[in-house]
Structure formats: structure tokens, C-alpha cells
Amino acid sequence: MEKYIVKGGRPLYGEVNIQSAKNSVLPLLAASVLTDEKVIIHRCPRIADVLNMVQILGELGCKTSFQGDSLVIDSADAANHEIPSALAKELRSSVFMLGSVIARFGRARIAYPGGCDIGLRPIDLHLSGLRRLGVQITEDGGYIDCTVEKTVGADILLDCPSVGATENIILAAVKGKGRTVIRNAAKEPEIADLQNFLNRMGAKVSGAGSATVIVEGVGKLHGAEYTPIPDRIEAGTFLIAAAMCGGELLVKNALSENLAALLHKLREISCKIHAENDKIYISSKRRLSPKLIETSPYPGFPTDLQAPATALACICEGSTVVVENLFETRFKHVPELLRMGADITVRGRSAFIRGVPALHGADVYAGDLRGGAALTLAAIAAEGESTVSDLYHIDRGYTDFEQKLRGAGADIRRIRV
């Protein structure tokens, strides 16, 4: 096991470079199975979730190799349609493999996927969408078995704008017969990134980023090279870090248009923000209360930044209400923040936060990916020394997290225990 040792209270100065988006790279890796030609993903982060997906590709028969920061995938010899239970249970995004494996082999078998314990994340929308495309699905003993000769286009209305279901249906339909229309589709920029990647491979997908996505089936896809969009959640995490610690930070390889909801909240608490091209500059001194933070699907405030924003609200002047609309158990970081002197009351999906002058050091545990990042930010902003344990959660989504923080002036180091 590894943990961070953090001595807090230092302002952040300097710059950080943001990795490619985890939530883009994972479906792109799933999409690589759709062709028997080579695919190259540039600026591919070597985070735990990506390495787990690479293992899944290997189990399917794909050959993968890192060349610098580029990942090369050769699916020419892929022949296995079963996704191992042990890997599927480690990675929620393994469910993306259903659509692409079905489209490639006409069948797929997968255990129910895992990932962070942040509440129920049923895949009913995925399965109902696949059934609309003609896929026969049976569920037995914790496994999902799918068969189809070839998917057939359909008009699909999602009950809610699920990112995963939208992407999975696109992957299953892209080589099918006829036209598929996905209504009430999720609008996240990572879906538009998947569309752009697939179109680079010869697909015909349009509308991603809007509520209606149209997929015209094609017979064959070819290889491609692609650089995914920057990770808006990582960029947001470092912007919140600067807001908490004070100082000045330049966040490079970050798209401000994908972070509008967060930037609005940071300006609301008196942070100075300047965004130009792929750079965002932030300076922070006084922190007023953001009053209300309410998560919602894109372009609303992202649920993946709720935990870091909650940590920020703990040291703002005044009171804040944080409402989590997407996941019912995404306040697991709150008891750990209380150890550090935070004043938070949770009722159902809402957290009522009264700002304190400062947090103090404590021994805390990362219960999930974004909660772990939030506790690390709290530690670098707090007075005194803290430890943050269970770092494997953080490693699922951040590359060189502590090195980037240390490069900006934080006193943080990783040790093995």
C-alpha cells in the first residue's frame, strides 16, 4: 500500500500540463477493436484505468505497445469475445467493450462491471439500447451474454442522458445495417471525441455533443491515429487546488469551453481567471462562499468535480450547499474532511457546509477516485501534516499527481508502507 505524506499551507505557483481525458481514452480503446488495422492513440495517459483496459484488449487477442506516450493497438488477431471477470470488476468502463465486441464478433460475454463505489450505476440503459439494435441478451450468474448476426439501425430514446449508454450504442451501431438515431443523448465533450475518432476510422457519426446523435452504419472501419481531448476533470482539479491554496497557476493543455460551469464558480468566489487557447490562468487570494453547487449532466457542474469543490467550500467564507444529483453515495469523502476540521452536515443528496478559517492535518483515506483527489487538495491546503492512504484509487485517474502538485510548490511525497 502507498500513501501521501503532506505538509500543507503552501501557496501554489507555476504551471501544470494536463493529460488526455481518461473518459475519452477508455471508449477510444474500446473502439479500436472495431478495425483489424492498427490504431495509435497519442498522449495516452498511463493511469491504472487505461492499463486495465489495455489488459482487457490483450485478453481479446489484441497486441498493444507503448511507444513513448503513444499507445499502438493492433486488433488484427483479436478472436476472443469474453471479457475476463477479474478485469471487468476492476473497471466500470469495461462495459464499453460490449458494443465494440458485439460489432466485431457478433457476440460478447462480460461480467457486471466495477469501478468506484459511488452508488448504483445500473447498465439497464446500455442493455435496452443494445436490444433495440437487435442484440439478444441473457443475464445469468453475474454475466451478460450477447449475440447478434449484425446490429440493425433503430430509433432509441434514452430515459436519461447516460454517457456510457450513448457511447455503447454508438459503438454497437457504427458497423450495423442502416441508421441509428439516439435521442436524449448525453452531450459530454468526450462523446464528441469518440465521434471524431470513429469518423477518422471511416465511420459516419454526427450530432455528438447535442441531444440527438445519428449513426449511419458502414461495412468496414480502417486504422487511424488520434490525439484525445484534454482531461477537463484533471484540469478542474488543479484549478480548484490553486483556489484552495492561493497563489498563481497556469494550467496548460486545458479547454476552457469544457469547464464553463467550474470557471463560473471560481469567478464567483473571487478567483481571477484568464483563458486563452489551451491555457487557463488562475490566481486566488480571498475565497467567498460559492453558495450553491449542484451537479448535473454536461454542460452543468460535473459530478466528478463535486468532491474537490466540496473540499474548496470547506475553507470559503460563509456557507455553501452542495447537491449531488447523479450518484447517491458520492459523499464518502465527507467523514474524512470532518477529521480535518471541516463543518459539514449531509442530508440525503445535499451537503451543508459552513466555511472554517482553515483545515488541519489528519490521517485520511481515499474511498474513491475523485474523493481521494479532494482529500489530497484538502491536505495541501491544510495547516500541519496529513497522510492520504489508499492511493490506488487516485492512480486510476491521475498521472503523476503528486509530482505535478510538488512542481507547483506543494510539500507532498509518496511512500510505500
Protein backbone atom coordinates (compact mmCIF):
# COMPACT_ATOMS: atom_id res chain seq x y z
CA MET A 1 0.00 0.00 0.00
CA GLU A 2 1.14 3.54 -0.69
CA LYS A 3 0.19 6.84 0.87
CA TYR A 4 0.94 10.54 0.61
CA ILE A 5 2.73 12.47 3.33
CA VAL A 6 1.65 16.10 3.01
CA LYS A 7 2.76 19.23 4.83
CA GLY A 8 0.12 21.77 4.00
CA GLY A 9 -0.20 25.52 3.92
CA ARG A 10 1.94 26.44 0.93
CA PRO A 11 0.58 28.52 -1.97
CA LEU A 12 0.87 27.09 -5.47
CA TYR A 13 2.89 28.82 -8.18
CA GLY A 14 3.97 27.66 -11.61
CA GLU A 15 2.32 25.54 -14.27
CA VAL A 16 0.92 22.06 -14.82
CA ASN A 17 0.35 20.16 -18.05
CA ILE A 18 -2.91 18.24 -18.34
CA GLN A 19 -3.12 14.66 -19.64
CA SER A 20 -5.54 13.41 -22.28
CA ALA A 21 -9.03 12.78 -20.95
CA LYS A 22 -9.43 9.45 -19.17
CA ASN A 23 -13.13 9.48 -20.08
CA SER A 24 -12.21 9.87 -23.74
CA VAL A 25 -9.33 7.41 -23.89
CA LEU A 26 -11.26 4.47 -22.43
CA PRO A 27 -14.04 4.41 -25.07
CA LEU A 28 -11.43 5.09 -27.78
CA LEU A 29 -9.58 1.96 -26.67
CA ALA A 30 -12.84 0.03 -26.85
CA ALA A 31 -13.42 1.43 -30.35
CA SER A 32 -10.01 0.18 -31.52
CA VAL A 33 -11.46 -3.36 -31.61
CA LEU A 34 -13.76 -2.32 -34.46
CA THR A 35 -10.96 -2.50 -37.04
CA ASP A 36 -8.34 -5.10 -37.90
CA GLU A 37 -5.88 -2.33 -38.76
CA LYS A 38 -3.53 -0.52 -36.38
CA VAL A 39 -4.79 2.31 -34.21
CA ILE A 40 -2.49 4.80 -32.49
CA ILE A 41 -3.66 6.92 -29.54
CA HIS A 42 -1.24 9.80 -28.92
CA ARG A 43 -0.71 11.35 -25.48
CA CYS A 44 -2.24 8.29 -23.87
CA PRO A 45 -2.01 8.53 -20.07
CA ARG A 46 -0.59 5.52 -18.24
CA ILE A 47 -3.15 5.62 -15.47
CA ALA A 48 -4.47 2.48 -13.82
CA ASP A 49 -7.82 2.53 -15.65
CA VAL A 50 -6.10 2.77 -19.04
CA LEU A 51 -3.66 -0.02 -18.17
CA ASN A 52 -6.60 -2.15 -17.06
CA MET A 53 -8.34 -1.56 -20.40
CA VAL A 54 -5.09 -2.46 -22.19
CA GLN A 55 -5.12 -5.77 -20.31
CA ILE A 56 -8.68 -6.39 -21.46
CA LEU A 57 -7.63 -5.73 -25.06
CA GLY A 58 -4.82 -8.23 -24.61
CA GLU A 59 -7.27 -10.87 -23.36
CA LEU A 60 -9.32 -10.34 -26.53
CA GLY A 61 -6.24 -11.08 -28.62
CA CYS A 62 -5.15 -7.53 -29.43
CA LYS A 63 -1.47 -6.59 -29.45
CA THR A 64 -0.63 -3.36 -27.65
CA SER A 65 2.56 -1.43 -27.02
CA PHE A 66 3.52 1.99 -25.73
CA GLN A 67 5.88 3.97 -27.94
CA GLY A 68 6.74 6.98 -25.84
CA ASP A 69 3.41 8.49 -24.83
CA SER A 70 1.59 6.86 -27.77
CA LEU A 71 -0.31 3.59 -27.46
CA VAL A 72 -0.34 1.33 -30.54
CA ILE A 73 -3.17 -1.20 -30.78
CA ASP A 74 -3.23 -3.99 -33.37
CA SER A 75 -6.54 -5.91 -33.29
CA ALA A 76 -5.91 -7.97 -36.43
CA ASP A 77 -5.67 -11.24 -34.48
CA ALA A 78 -8.40 -10.48 -31.95
CA ALA A 79 -10.62 -13.53 -31.64
CA ASN A 80 -11.89 -13.77 -28.07
CA HIS A 81 -15.31 -12.32 -27.27
CA GLU A 82 -15.12 -12.87 -23.48
CA ILE A 83 -14.01 -10.09 -21.17
CA PRO A 84 -12.42 -11.56 -18.02
CA SER A 85 -14.40 -11.20 -14.83
CA ALA A 86 -11.43 -10.07 -12.73
CA LEU A 87 -10.67 -7.18 -15.09
CA ALA A 88 -14.30 -6.19 -15.69
CA LYS A 89 -14.90 -5.92 -11.96
CA GLU A 90 -11.97 -3.53 -11.60
CA LEU A 91 -13.10 -1.14 -14.31
CA ARG A 92 -16.53 0.37 -14.86
CA SER A 93 -15.59 1.38 -18.40
CA SER A 94 -15.14 -2.26 -19.38
CA VAL A 95 -18.85 -2.10 -20.23
CA PHE A 96 -17.88 -0.08 -23.33
CA MET A 97 -16.38 -3.25 -24.70
CA LEU A 98 -19.86 -4.74 -25.09
CA GLY A 99 -20.80 -2.56 -28.06
CA SER A 100 -17.48 -2.85 -29.88
CA VAL A 101 -17.02 -6.59 -29.25
CA ILE A 102 -20.58 -7.26 -30.42
CA ALA A 103 -19.94 -5.22 -33.57
CA ARG A 104 -16.66 -7.07 -34.25
CA PHE A 105 -17.61 -10.67 -33.40
CA GLY A 106 -21.40 -10.77 -33.27
CA ARG A 107 -21.22 -11.93 -29.65
CA ALA A 108 -19.85 -10.82 -26.30
CA ARG A 109 -19.65 -12.08 -22.73
CA ILE A 110 -18.82 -9.82 -19.80
CA ALA A 111 -19.16 -9.83 -16.03
CA TYR A 112 -21.02 -6.92 -14.50
CA PRO A 113 -18.51 -4.05 -14.43
CA GLY A 114 -16.98 -2.50 -11.31
CA GLY A 115 -15.07 0.71 -10.59
CA CYS A 116 -15.54 3.28 -7.82
CA ASP A 117 -18.16 2.61 -5.15
CA ILE A 118 -20.14 5.82 -5.57
CA GLY A 119 -23.61 4.33 -5.66
CA LEU A 120 -25.78 2.41 -8.06
CA ARG A 121 -24.83 2.84 -11.72
CA PRO A 122 -27.14 0.36 -13.46
CA ILE A 123 -26.42 -0.57 -17.05
CA ASP A 124 -30.09 -1.05 -17.95
CA LEU A 125 -29.91 1.78 -20.49
CA HIS A 126 -26.94 0.09 -22.18
CA LEU A 127 -28.74 -3.23 -22.45
CA SER A 128 -32.09 -1.80 -23.57
CA GLY A 129 -30.32 0.22 -26.27
CA LEU A 130 -28.44 -2.86 -27.49
CA ARG A 131 -31.70 -4.83 -27.57
CA ARG A 132 -33.22 -2.12 -29.76
CA LEU A 133 -30.35 -2.79 -32.19
CA GLY A 134 -31.37 -6.46 -32.38
CA VAL A 135 -28.92 -7.88 -29.84
CA GLN A 136 -30.13 -10.93 -27.93
CA ILE A 137 -29.09 -10.60 -24.28
CA THR A 138 -29.21 -13.06 -21.40
CA GLU A 139 -28.11 -12.35 -17.86
CA ASP A 140 -27.07 -15.21 -15.63
CA GLY A 141 -24.83 -15.61 -12.60
CA GLY A 142 -23.38 -12.09 -12.78
CA TYR A 143 -22.56 -12.37 -16.50
CA ILE A 144 -24.07 -10.73 -19.56
CA ASP A 145 -24.14 -12.75 -22.80
CA CYS A 146 -24.91 -11.00 -26.08
CA THR A 147 -25.39 -12.37 -29.60
CA VAL A 148 -26.42 -10.82 -32.91
CA GLU A 149 -25.71 -11.58 -36.55
CA LYS A 150 -25.44 -7.87 -37.33
CA THR A 151 -26.89 -4.91 -35.49
CA VAL A 152 -29.79 -3.16 -37.21
CA GLY A 153 -30.42 0.57 -37.02
CA ALA A 154 -33.14 1.80 -34.69
CA ASP A 155 -34.63 4.93 -33.16
CA ILE A 156 -33.59 4.89 -29.49
CA LEU A 157 -34.83 7.25 -26.79
CA LEU A 158 -32.75 7.19 -23.61
CA ASP A 159 -34.71 7.63 -20.38
CA CYS A 160 -31.85 9.79 -19.12
CA PRO A 161 -28.78 11.19 -20.92
CA SER A 162 -26.33 8.46 -19.91
CA VAL A 163 -22.78 8.98 -21.17
CA GLY A 164 -21.92 5.29 -21.12
CA ALA A 165 -25.15 4.18 -22.81
CA THR A 166 -24.77 6.82 -25.53
CA GLU A 167 -21.22 5.70 -26.27
CA ASN A 168 -22.02 1.99 -26.12
CA ILE A 169 -24.91 2.30 -28.55
CA ILE A 170 -22.72 4.29 -30.95
CA LEU A 171 -20.03 1.59 -30.81
CA ALA A 172 -22.54 -1.19 -31.43
CA ALA A 173 -24.30 0.62 -34.27
CA VAL A 174 -21.35 2.01 -36.19
CA LYS A 175 -20.86 -1.13 -38.35
CA GLY A 176 -24.52 -2.16 -38.36
CA LYS A 177 -27.18 -2.05 -41.04
CA GLY A 178 -28.99 1.23 -41.63
CA ARG A 179 -29.41 4.32 -39.49
CA THR A 180 -29.48 4.58 -35.72
CA VAL A 181 -30.83 7.70 -34.02
CA ILE A 182 -30.09 8.22 -30.31
CA ARG A 183 -32.41 10.77 -28.71
CA ASN A 184 -31.86 12.41 -25.32
CA ALA A 185 -28.20 11.52 -25.81
CA ALA A 186 -25.59 12.72 -23.34
CA LYS A 187 -23.78 15.87 -24.50
CA GLU A 188 -20.36 15.46 -22.85
CA PRO A 189 -17.35 16.55 -24.94
CA GLU A 190 -15.90 13.05 -24.60
CA ILE A 191 -18.77 11.75 -26.74
CA ALA A 192 -17.89 14.23 -29.47
CA ASP A 193 -14.29 13.00 -29.15
CA LEU A 194 -15.45 9.41 -29.71
CA GLN A 195 -17.43 10.56 -32.75
CA ASN A 196 -14.39 12.33 -34.21
CA PHE A 197 -12.19 9.29 -33.64
CA LEU A 198 -14.69 6.91 -35.25
CA ASN A 199 -15.13 9.23 -38.23
CA ARG A 200 -11.34 9.29 -38.61
CA MET A 201 -11.66 5.49 -38.92
CA GLY A 202 -14.28 5.82 -41.68
CA ALA A 203 -17.49 5.83 -39.64
CA LYS A 204 -20.46 8.11 -40.26
CA VAL A 205 -21.50 9.57 -36.92
CA SER A 206 -22.97 13.04 -36.47
CA GLY A 207 -24.62 15.15 -33.79
CA ALA A 208 -22.39 14.18 -30.85
CA GLY A 209 -22.44 16.98 -28.31
CA SER A 210 -26.14 17.55 -28.91
CA ALA A 211 -29.23 15.69 -27.69
CA THR A 212 -29.54 13.73 -30.96
CA VAL A 213 -26.77 11.52 -32.34
CA ILE A 214 -27.11 9.84 -35.75
CA VAL A 215 -25.09 6.79 -36.77
CA GLU A 216 -25.10 5.59 -40.38
CA GLY A 217 -23.79 2.04 -40.43
CA VAL A 218 -20.74 1.29 -42.57
CA GLY A 219 -19.32 -2.05 -43.63
CA LYS A 220 -15.71 -1.58 -42.54
CA LEU A 221 -13.52 0.70 -40.46
CA HIS A 222 -9.81 1.30 -41.01
CA GLY A 223 -6.91 2.23 -38.76
CA ALA A 224 -6.27 5.77 -37.56
CA GLU A 225 -4.07 7.98 -35.42
CA TYR A 226 -5.72 10.28 -32.92
CA THR A 227 -4.95 12.66 -30.06
CA PRO A 228 -7.77 12.79 -27.49
CA ILE A 229 -9.04 15.99 -25.93
CA PRO A 230 -7.51 17.20 -22.64
CA ASP A 231 -8.90 15.90 -19.38
CA ARG A 232 -11.33 18.54 -18.11
CA ILE A 233 -11.62 16.81 -14.73
CA GLU A 234 -7.87 16.81 -14.13
CA ALA A 235 -7.70 20.45 -15.25
CA GLY A 236 -10.57 21.29 -12.91
CA THR A 237 -8.85 19.50 -10.04
CA PHE A 238 -5.73 21.66 -10.39
CA LEU A 239 -7.77 24.85 -10.77
CA ILE A 240 -9.55 24.01 -7.51
CA ALA A 241 -6.17 23.24 -5.91
CA ALA A 242 -4.97 26.74 -6.78
CA ALA A 243 -8.20 28.25 -5.45
CA MET A 244 -7.74 26.39 -2.15
CA CYS A 245 -4.05 27.06 -1.62
CA GLY A 246 -3.81 30.53 -3.07
CA GLY A 247 -1.11 31.67 -5.46
CA GLU A 248 -0.99 31.65 -9.24
CA LEU A 249 -1.17 28.65 -11.55
CA LEU A 250 -1.07 28.20 -15.31
CA VAL A 251 -2.96 25.10 -16.40
CA LYS A 252 -1.76 24.06 -19.86
CA ASN A 253 -3.47 21.78 -22.39
CA ALA A 254 -6.89 22.66 -20.96
CA LEU A 255 -10.02 23.68 -22.89
CA SER A 256 -11.91 26.41 -21.06
CA GLU A 257 -15.08 25.82 -23.10
CA ASN A 258 -15.37 22.38 -21.50
CA LEU A 259 -15.03 23.86 -17.99
CA ALA A 260 -17.51 26.73 -18.15
CA ALA A 261 -19.54 25.63 -15.11
CA LEU A 262 -16.45 25.36 -12.89
CA LEU A 263 -14.89 28.60 -14.12
CA HIS A 264 -18.15 30.41 -13.31
CA LYS A 265 -18.00 29.10 -9.72
CA LEU A 266 -14.33 30.04 -9.34
CA ARG A 267 -15.01 33.58 -10.51
CA GLU A 268 -17.94 33.68 -8.11
CA ILE A 269 -15.58 33.14 -5.15
CA SER A 270 -13.25 35.95 -6.34
CA CYS A 271 -10.64 33.92 -8.24
CA LYS A 272 -9.13 35.70 -11.20
CA ILE A 273 -9.36 33.58 -14.36
CA HIS A 274 -7.89 34.22 -17.79
CA ALA A 275 -8.37 31.64 -20.52
CA GLU A 276 -6.72 31.74 -23.94
CA ASN A 277 -6.35 28.96 -26.50
CA ASP A 278 -5.45 25.83 -24.49
CA LYS A 279 -4.27 27.61 -21.34
CA ILE A 280 -6.12 28.73 -18.22
CA TYR A 281 -4.51 31.10 -15.71
CA ILE A 282 -5.87 31.34 -12.17
CA SER A 283 -4.90 33.47 -9.19
CA SER A 284 -6.55 33.21 -5.80
CA LYS A 285 -6.44 35.19 -2.56
CA ARG A 286 -9.77 35.77 -0.81
CA ARG A 287 -12.35 32.97 -1.10
CA LEU A 288 -16.03 33.83 -0.80
CA SER A 289 -18.68 31.12 -0.49
CA PRO A 290 -19.97 29.70 -3.80
CA LYS A 291 -23.45 29.44 -2.14
CA LEU A 292 -24.78 26.57 -4.28
CA ILE A 293 -23.01 23.82 -6.21
CA GLU A 294 -25.41 21.43 -7.91
CA THR A 295 -24.20 18.62 -10.14
CA SER A 296 -25.97 17.86 -13.39
CA PRO A 297 -25.19 16.37 -16.81
CA TYR A 298 -22.95 18.38 -19.13
CA PRO A 299 -22.84 21.35 -19.56
CA GLY A 300 -23.80 21.57 -15.88
CA PHE A 301 -21.39 21.24 -12.97
CA PRO A 302 -19.64 17.86 -13.33
CA THR A 303 -20.21 15.23 -10.67
CA ASP A 304 -16.53 14.27 -10.99
CA LEU A 305 -15.58 17.69 -9.58
CA GLN A 306 -18.12 17.67 -6.76
CA ALA A 307 -15.72 16.20 -4.19
CA PRO A 308 -12.88 18.69 -4.89
CA ALA A 309 -15.43 21.54 -4.92
CA THR A 310 -16.78 20.34 -1.55
CA ALA A 311 -13.25 20.48 -0.13
CA LEU A 312 -12.89 24.02 -1.51
CA ALA A 313 -16.17 25.15 0.07
CA CYS A 314 -14.90 23.99 3.48
CA ILE A 315 -12.45 26.91 3.63
CA CYS A 316 -14.54 29.58 1.90
CA GLU A 317 -16.13 32.48 3.80
CA GLY A 318 -19.79 31.78 4.51
CA SER A 319 -21.98 28.75 3.79
CA THR A 320 -22.41 26.52 0.77
CA VAL A 321 -24.95 23.89 -0.20
CA VAL A 322 -23.67 21.08 -2.44
CA VAL A 323 -26.34 18.99 -4.16
CA GLU A 324 -25.30 15.70 -5.78
CA ASN A 325 -27.95 14.78 -8.34
CA LEU A 326 -26.20 11.95 -10.18
CA PHE A 327 -24.79 9.45 -7.65
CA GLU A 328 -26.37 8.71 -4.31
CA THR A 329 -23.26 7.79 -2.30
CA ARG A 330 -20.80 10.35 -3.58
CA PHE A 331 -20.21 11.99 -0.20
CA LYS A 332 -17.84 9.30 1.10
CA HIS A 333 -15.09 11.92 1.41
CA VAL A 334 -17.12 13.97 3.91
CA PRO A 335 -16.25 11.94 7.06
CA GLU A 336 -12.58 12.29 6.13
CA LEU A 337 -12.92 16.06 5.70
CA LEU A 338 -14.56 16.18 9.14
CA ARG A 339 -11.35 14.65 10.54
CA MET A 340 -9.57 17.71 9.17
CA GLY A 341 -11.88 20.17 10.92
CA ALA A 342 -14.49 20.75 8.23
CA ASP A 343 -18.04 21.71 9.26
CA ILE A 344 -20.36 19.66 7.03
CA THR A 345 -23.82 18.17 7.53
CA VAL A 346 -25.11 15.69 4.95
CA ARG A 347 -28.83 15.11 4.44
CA GLY A 348 -29.67 12.76 1.61
CA ARG A 349 -28.12 14.11 -1.58
CA SER A 350 -27.22 17.51 -0.08
CA ALA A 351 -24.22 18.64 1.96
CA PHE A 352 -24.48 21.83 4.04
CA ILE A 353 -21.04 23.35 4.51
CA ARG A 354 -20.08 26.17 6.85
CA GLY A 355 -16.68 27.55 5.98
CA VAL A 356 -13.89 27.41 8.55
CA PRO A 357 -10.77 29.62 8.61
CA ALA A 358 -8.52 26.61 7.95
CA LEU A 359 -8.43 22.83 7.89
CA HIS A 360 -5.87 20.96 10.00
CA GLY A 361 -3.73 17.94 9.20
CA ALA A 362 -5.11 14.43 9.76
CA ASP A 363 -4.79 10.83 8.60
CA VAL A 364 -7.42 10.27 5.91
CA TYR A 365 -8.37 7.53 3.46
CA ALA A 366 -9.31 7.78 -0.21
CA GLY A 367 -12.55 5.85 -0.68
CA ASP A 368 -12.83 6.53 -4.41
CA LEU A 369 -11.03 8.31 -7.23
CA ARG A 370 -12.41 11.85 -7.01
CA GLY A 371 -12.82 11.74 -3.25
CA GLY A 372 -9.15 10.79 -2.99
CA ALA A 373 -8.18 13.78 -5.12
CA ALA A 374 -10.35 16.04 -2.95
CA LEU A 375 -8.67 14.83 0.24
CA THR A 376 -5.24 15.42 -1.30
CA LEU A 377 -6.23 19.02 -2.12
CA ALA A 378 -7.54 19.46 1.42
CA ALA A 379 -4.23 18.16 2.77
CA ILE A 380 -2.06 20.54 0.73
CA ALA A 381 -4.26 23.47 1.81
CA ALA A 382 -4.48 22.47 5.49
CA GLU A 383 -2.31 23.54 8.39
CA GLY A 384 0.08 20.85 9.59
CA GLU A 385 0.85 17.35 8.32
CA SER A 386 -1.59 14.87 6.78
CA THR A 387 -1.44 11.40 5.32
CA VAL A 388 -3.68 10.24 2.48
CA SER A 389 -3.92 6.46 2.14
CA ASP A 390 -5.32 4.04 -0.48
CA LEU A 391 -3.69 5.86 -3.39
CA TYR A 392 -4.66 3.18 -5.91
CA HIS A 393 -7.98 4.99 -6.22
CA ILE A 394 -6.23 8.23 -7.21
CA ASP A 395 -3.91 6.39 -9.60
CA ARG A 396 -6.97 5.25 -11.57
CA GLY A 397 -7.44 8.76 -12.95
CA TYR A 398 -4.35 10.93 -12.46
CA THR A 399 -0.86 10.62 -13.91
CA ASP A 400 1.98 11.78 -11.67
CA PHE A 401 -0.49 13.61 -9.42
CA GLU A 402 1.90 14.28 -6.57
CA GLN A 403 4.77 15.23 -8.93
CA LYS A 404 2.60 17.86 -10.60
CA LEU A 405 1.50 19.26 -7.25
CA ARG A 406 5.08 19.23 -5.97
CA GLY A 407 6.23 21.02 -9.13
CA ALA A 408 3.80 23.82 -8.28
CA GLY A 409 5.15 24.15 -4.75
CA ALA A 410 3.18 21.65 -2.65
CA ASP A 411 5.06 19.65 0.01
CA ILE A 412 3.86 16.16 -0.87
CA ARG A 413 5.60 12.83 -1.25
CA ARG A 414 4.55 9.25 -1.83
CA ILE A 415 5.79 6.43 0.40
CA ARG A 416 5.22 2.67 0.43
CA VAL A 417 4.02 1.16 3.69
